[in-house]
Amino acid sequence: MNEERRGGWVYIMADRYRGAMYVGVTSDLATRIHQHRNDEGSDFCRRYELHRLVWAEGAPEISDCIAHEKRVKRWRREWKFALIERGNPEWLDLSDRML
């Protein structure tokens, strides 16, 4: 049996520098970011107006992304800050660069 394998993304949305954060996983980053920006994503993102993509990492297998998302969600805030700031120290919106 041949299963179609599909990659995905783990990503973090934020409202501002070191503000509220949402860790998510998706197979289609562009569509998911569009949903968050139009308040059609998660209730949490809508409630806290998390419209800024501050970090994203792709992987060839969605199962790897799901496992990584679960790990990152359990991390302390400071660890998430460090993850974001390694590649995006000013917490800029990366969606134009990544999509």
C-alpha atoms as a PDB file:
ATOM      1  CA  MET A   1       0.000   0.000   0.000  1.00  0.00           C
ATOM      2  CA  ASN A   2       1.414   3.376  -1.045  1.00  0.00           C
ATOM      3  CA  GLU A   3       0.575   6.214   1.302  1.00  0.00           C
ATOM      4  CA  GLU A   4       1.041   9.786   0.163  1.00  0.00           C
ATOM      5  CA  ARG A   5       3.493  11.424   2.532  1.00  0.00           C
ATOM      6  CA  ARG A   6       3.129  15.077   3.197  1.00  0.00           C
ATOM      7  CA  GLY A   7       5.417  17.479   4.977  1.00  0.00           C
ATOM      8  CA  GLY A   8       4.410  20.243   7.291  1.00  0.00           C
ATOM      9  CA  TRP A   9       5.331  23.179   9.461  1.00  0.00           C
ATOM     10  CA  VAL A  10       5.563  23.970  13.149  1.00  0.00           C
ATOM     11  CA  TYR A  11       5.065  27.683  13.707  1.00  0.00           C
ATOM     12  CA  ILE A  12       4.658  30.352  16.363  1.00  0.00           C
ATOM     13  CA  MET A  13       2.280  33.299  16.131  1.00  0.00           C
ATOM     14  CA  ALA A  14       2.611  36.302  18.453  1.00  0.00           C
ATOM     15  CA  ASP A  15       0.990  39.667  19.052  1.00  0.00           C
ATOM     16  CA  ARG A  16       4.181  41.603  19.843  1.00  0.00           C
ATOM     17  CA  TYR A  17       7.760  41.272  21.077  1.00  0.00           C
ATOM     18  CA  ARG A  18       7.791  38.693  23.895  1.00  0.00           C
ATOM     19  CA  GLY A  19       4.019  38.849  24.124  1.00  0.00           C
ATOM     20  CA  ALA A  20       1.346  36.175  23.860  1.00  0.00           C
ATOM     21  CA  MET A  21       2.309  33.185  21.701  1.00  0.00           C
ATOM     22  CA  TYR A  22       0.563  30.334  19.943  1.00  0.00           C
ATOM     23  CA  VAL A  23       2.386  27.202  18.780  1.00  0.00           C
ATOM     24  CA  GLY A  24       0.720  25.386  15.915  1.00  0.00           C
ATOM     25  CA  VAL A  25       1.268  22.776  13.225  1.00  0.00           C
ATOM     26  CA  THR A  26       0.000  22.706   9.651  1.00  0.00           C
ATOM     27  CA  SER A  27       0.601  21.092   6.292  1.00  0.00           C
ATOM     28  CA  ASP A  28      -0.119  24.403   4.504  1.00  0.00           C
ATOM     29  CA  LEU A  29       1.591  27.358   6.186  1.00  0.00           C
ATOM     30  CA  ALA A  30       0.317  30.049   3.809  1.00  0.00           C
ATOM     31  CA  THR A  31      -3.320  29.041   4.235  1.00  0.00           C
ATOM     32  CA  ARG A  32      -3.021  28.694   8.005  1.00  0.00           C
ATOM     33  CA  ILE A  33      -1.411  32.138   8.435  1.00  0.00           C
ATOM     34  CA  HIS A  34      -4.149  33.640   6.247  1.00  0.00           C
ATOM     35  CA  GLN A  35      -6.743  32.013   8.521  1.00  0.00           C
ATOM     36  CA  HIS A  36      -5.105  33.411  11.669  1.00  0.00           C
ATOM     37  CA  ARG A  37      -4.890  36.905  10.176  1.00  0.00           C
ATOM     38  CA  ASN A  38      -8.574  36.817   9.291  1.00  0.00           C
ATOM     39  CA  ASP A  39      -9.527  35.494  12.744  1.00  0.00           C
ATOM     40  CA  GLU A  40     -10.583  32.169  11.241  1.00  0.00           C
ATOM     41  CA  GLY A  41      -7.764  30.226  12.914  1.00  0.00           C
ATOM     42  CA  SER A  42      -7.775  29.174  16.531  1.00  0.00           C
ATOM     43  CA  ASP A  43      -9.961  30.816  19.169  1.00  0.00           C
ATOM     44  CA  PHE A  44      -6.799  31.596  21.149  1.00  0.00           C
ATOM     45  CA  CYS A  45      -5.248  33.528  18.245  1.00  0.00           C
ATOM     46  CA  ARG A  46      -8.495  35.400  17.667  1.00  0.00           C
ATOM     47  CA  ARG A  47      -8.904  36.285  21.363  1.00  0.00           C
ATOM     48  CA  TYR A  48      -5.336  37.600  21.733  1.00  0.00           C
ATOM     49  CA  GLU A  49      -4.990  38.999  18.186  1.00  0.00           C
ATOM     50  CA  LEU A  50      -1.988  36.849  17.319  1.00  0.00           C
ATOM     51  CA  HIS A  51      -1.411  37.814  13.695  1.00  0.00           C
ATOM     52  CA  ARG A  52       2.400  37.907  13.511  1.00  0.00           C
ATOM     53  CA  LEU A  53       4.329  34.847  12.306  1.00  0.00           C
ATOM     54  CA  VAL A  54       7.542  34.996  14.336  1.00  0.00           C
ATOM     55  CA  TRP A  55       8.978  31.494  13.802  1.00  0.00           C
ATOM     56  CA  ALA A  56       8.395  28.522  11.511  1.00  0.00           C
ATOM     57  CA  GLU A  57      10.241  25.321  10.770  1.00  0.00           C
ATOM     58  CA  GLY A  58       9.396  22.840   8.058  1.00  0.00           C
ATOM     59  CA  ALA A  59       9.888  19.085   7.967  1.00  0.00           C
ATOM     60  CA  PRO A  60       9.290  16.468   5.263  1.00  0.00           C
ATOM     61  CA  GLU A  61       6.965  14.386   7.472  1.00  0.00           C
ATOM     62  CA  ILE A  62       3.868  15.839   9.152  1.00  0.00           C
ATOM     63  CA  SER A  63       4.218  13.287  11.951  1.00  0.00           C
ATOM     64  CA  ASP A  64       7.598  14.824  12.846  1.00  0.00           C
ATOM     65  CA  CYS A  65       5.978  18.270  12.898  1.00  0.00           C
ATOM     66  CA  ILE A  66       3.217  17.102  15.213  1.00  0.00           C
ATOM     67  CA  ALA A  67       5.742  15.568  17.630  1.00  0.00           C
ATOM     68  CA  HIS A  68       7.861  18.752  17.564  1.00  0.00           C
ATOM     69  CA  GLU A  69       4.800  20.953  18.148  1.00  0.00           C
ATOM     70  CA  LYS A  70       3.880  18.915  21.226  1.00  0.00           C
ATOM     71  CA  ARG A  71       7.413  19.311  22.601  1.00  0.00           C
ATOM     72  CA  VAL A  72       7.558  23.072  21.975  1.00  0.00           C
ATOM     73  CA  LYS A  73       4.136  23.589  23.581  1.00  0.00           C
ATOM     74  CA  ARG A  74       5.510  22.093  26.817  1.00  0.00           C
ATOM     75  CA  TRP A  75       8.578  24.366  26.838  1.00  0.00           C
ATOM     76  CA  ARG A  76       8.949  27.277  29.238  1.00  0.00           C
ATOM     77  CA  ARG A  77       8.290  30.727  27.789  1.00  0.00           C
ATOM     78  CA  GLU A  78      11.967  31.653  28.018  1.00  0.00           C
ATOM     79  CA  TRP A  79      12.915  28.635  25.898  1.00  0.00           C
ATOM     80  CA  LYS A  80      10.388  29.679  23.246  1.00  0.00           C
ATOM     81  CA  PHE A  81      11.777  33.222  23.358  1.00  0.00           C
ATOM     82  CA  ALA A  82      15.279  31.837  22.745  1.00  0.00           C
ATOM     83  CA  LEU A  83      14.035  29.691  19.837  1.00  0.00           C
ATOM     84  CA  ILE A  84      12.401  32.691  18.168  1.00  0.00           C
ATOM     85  CA  GLU A  85      15.250  35.094  18.860  1.00  0.00           C
ATOM     86  CA  ARG A  86      17.929  32.818  17.356  1.00  0.00           C
ATOM     87  CA  GLY A  87      16.525  33.609  13.917  1.00  0.00           C
ATOM     88  CA  ASN A  88      14.275  36.604  14.549  1.00  0.00           C
ATOM     89  CA  PRO A  89      15.667  38.744  17.406  1.00  0.00           C
ATOM     90  CA  GLU A  90      13.258  41.614  16.770  1.00  0.00           C
ATOM     91  CA  TRP A  91      10.169  39.396  16.481  1.00  0.00           C
ATOM     92  CA  LEU A  92       9.386  40.714  13.013  1.00  0.00           C
ATOM     93  CA  ASP A  93       6.514  39.259  11.010  1.00  0.00           C
ATOM     94  CA  LEU A  94       8.166  36.621   8.817  1.00  0.00           C
ATOM     95  CA  SER A  95       5.169  35.786   6.664  1.00  0.00           C
ATOM     96  CA  ASP A  96       6.317  37.906   3.699  1.00  0.00           C
ATOM     97  CA  ARG A  97       9.709  36.167   3.712  1.00  0.00           C
ATOM     98  CA  MET A  98       8.394  32.651   4.213  1.00  0.00           C
ATOM     99  CA  LEU A  99       5.239  32.534   2.126  1.00  0.00           C
END
